[in-house]
Amino acid sequence: MAGKFEIYKDKAEEFRFRLKTSDGKIVLVSEGYTAKSGCTNGVESVKKNAPEDARYECKQTQSGKFMFNLKATNGQVIGTSESHESAADRDKAIKWIQNGAPDADVMDMTT
């Protein structure tokens, strides 16, 4: 179940993180942060909030796919899922994050 967070810079030079499964599938992505410290705080917030069912906001897109946001205790979105074909697939991704995120390694790809 081992996964990893990757911290990277996007084309706009903002810091972002993505959470990947051991086989490389992206299950959660962040917003852009201007400072690396904000991004690393976001990773820590995911690790802390991931186990809590109440932190997940499940949605259906206009195209009929399924996704979710992971929110901090203050209601701020700290991560967004990829789109899933079914609610069951979305729910599997949530379960993986609940179990895998708290102990996931962090790789800083900006150094």
Protein backbone atom coordinates (compact mmCIF):
# COMPACT_ATOMS: atom_id res chain seq x y z
CA MET A 1 0.00 0.00 0.00
CA ALA A 2 3.04 2.25 0.10
CA GLY A 3 2.59 5.43 -1.83
CA LYS A 4 4.43 8.69 -2.07
CA PHE A 5 3.90 12.40 -2.21
CA GLU A 6 5.84 14.21 -4.91
CA ILE A 7 6.52 17.92 -4.46
CA TYR A 8 7.23 19.62 -7.77
CA LYS A 9 7.07 22.97 -9.58
CA ASP A 10 4.51 23.49 -12.32
CA LYS A 11 4.91 25.57 -15.50
CA ALA A 12 3.85 28.70 -13.61
CA GLU A 13 6.69 28.05 -11.12
CA GLU A 14 4.24 27.26 -8.31
CA PHE A 15 4.85 24.42 -5.87
CA ARG A 16 2.38 21.53 -5.98
CA PHE A 17 2.13 18.03 -4.62
CA ARG A 18 0.59 14.86 -5.94
CA LEU A 19 -0.05 11.63 -4.10
CA LYS A 20 0.74 8.48 -6.06
CA THR A 21 0.08 4.81 -5.40
CA SER A 22 2.97 2.34 -5.47
CA ASP A 23 2.20 1.61 -9.14
CA GLY A 24 2.41 5.31 -10.05
CA LYS A 25 -1.29 6.18 -10.29
CA ILE A 26 -2.08 9.73 -9.18
CA VAL A 27 -4.88 9.73 -6.58
CA LEU A 28 -4.73 13.30 -5.26
CA VAL A 29 -3.33 16.64 -6.44
CA SER A 30 -2.94 19.99 -4.74
CA GLU A 31 -3.50 23.58 -5.67
CA GLY A 32 -0.48 25.74 -6.50
CA TYR A 33 1.51 27.32 -3.68
CA THR A 34 3.85 30.29 -4.06
CA ALA A 35 6.17 28.99 -1.30
CA LYS A 36 7.50 25.49 -0.78
CA SER A 37 6.65 25.75 2.93
CA GLY A 38 2.95 26.12 2.05
CA CYS A 39 3.17 23.03 -0.13
CA THR A 40 4.86 20.95 2.56
CA ASN A 41 2.24 22.15 5.06
CA GLY A 42 -0.38 20.93 2.58
CA VAL A 43 1.22 17.47 2.53
CA GLU A 44 1.17 17.36 6.32
CA SER A 45 -2.48 18.43 6.31
CA VAL A 46 -3.35 15.58 3.94
CA LYS A 47 -1.54 13.10 6.20
CA LYS A 48 -3.45 14.42 9.23
CA ASN A 49 -6.93 14.69 7.64
CA ALA A 50 -6.88 11.68 5.28
CA PRO A 51 -8.19 9.08 7.77
CA GLU A 52 -11.36 11.08 8.57
CA ASP A 53 -14.46 10.19 6.50
CA ALA A 54 -15.98 13.62 7.17
CA ARG A 55 -13.10 15.36 5.36
CA TYR A 56 -14.12 14.00 1.93
CA GLU A 57 -16.52 15.93 -0.28
CA CYS A 58 -17.76 13.57 -3.00
CA LYS A 59 -19.00 15.07 -6.26
CA GLN A 60 -20.14 14.13 -9.73
CA THR A 61 -18.82 16.13 -12.69
CA GLN A 62 -20.99 17.54 -15.47
CA SER A 63 -19.72 14.76 -17.71
CA GLY A 64 -20.99 12.13 -15.25
CA LYS A 65 -17.66 11.12 -13.72
CA PHE A 66 -16.97 10.91 -10.00
CA MET A 67 -14.39 12.85 -7.97
CA PHE A 68 -13.76 14.21 -4.49
CA ASN A 69 -12.06 16.96 -2.56
CA LEU A 70 -10.20 16.36 0.67
CA LYS A 71 -10.76 19.24 3.08
CA ALA A 72 -8.96 20.44 6.18
CA THR A 73 -10.80 21.01 9.45
CA ASN A 74 -11.37 24.65 8.42
CA GLY A 75 -13.15 23.54 5.23
CA GLN A 76 -10.33 24.53 2.87
CA VAL A 77 -9.66 22.10 0.00
CA ILE A 78 -6.21 20.57 0.41
CA GLY A 79 -6.39 18.01 -2.40
CA THR A 80 -8.54 17.04 -5.37
CA SER A 81 -8.90 13.62 -6.93
CA GLU A 82 -8.69 12.60 -10.52
CA SER A 83 -12.01 11.80 -12.23
CA HIS A 84 -13.28 8.24 -11.84
CA GLU A 85 -15.64 6.26 -14.06
CA SER A 86 -17.76 5.04 -11.16
CA ALA A 87 -18.62 5.98 -7.59
CA ALA A 88 -17.14 2.62 -6.53
CA ASP A 89 -13.78 3.53 -8.11
CA ARG A 90 -13.88 6.93 -6.39
CA ASP A 91 -14.63 5.26 -3.07
CA LYS A 92 -11.71 2.83 -3.54
CA ALA A 93 -9.41 5.82 -4.08
CA ILE A 94 -10.68 7.42 -0.86
CA LYS A 95 -10.06 4.21 1.08
CA TRP A 96 -6.55 3.99 -0.36
CA ILE A 97 -5.81 7.58 0.70
CA GLN A 98 -7.24 7.00 4.18
CA ASN A 99 -4.89 4.07 4.67
CA GLY A 100 -1.89 5.09 2.57
CA ALA A 101 -1.47 8.84 2.95
CA PRO A 102 -0.58 9.08 6.66
CA ASP A 103 2.62 7.03 6.22
CA ALA A 104 3.46 7.91 2.60
CA ASP A 105 7.00 9.04 1.84
CA VAL A 106 7.61 12.57 0.57
CA MET A 107 9.87 13.15 -2.42
CA ASP A 108 11.00 16.70 -3.13
CA MET A 109 11.52 16.90 -6.88
CA THR A 110 12.42 20.61 -6.79
CA THR A 111 15.97 20.14 -5.53
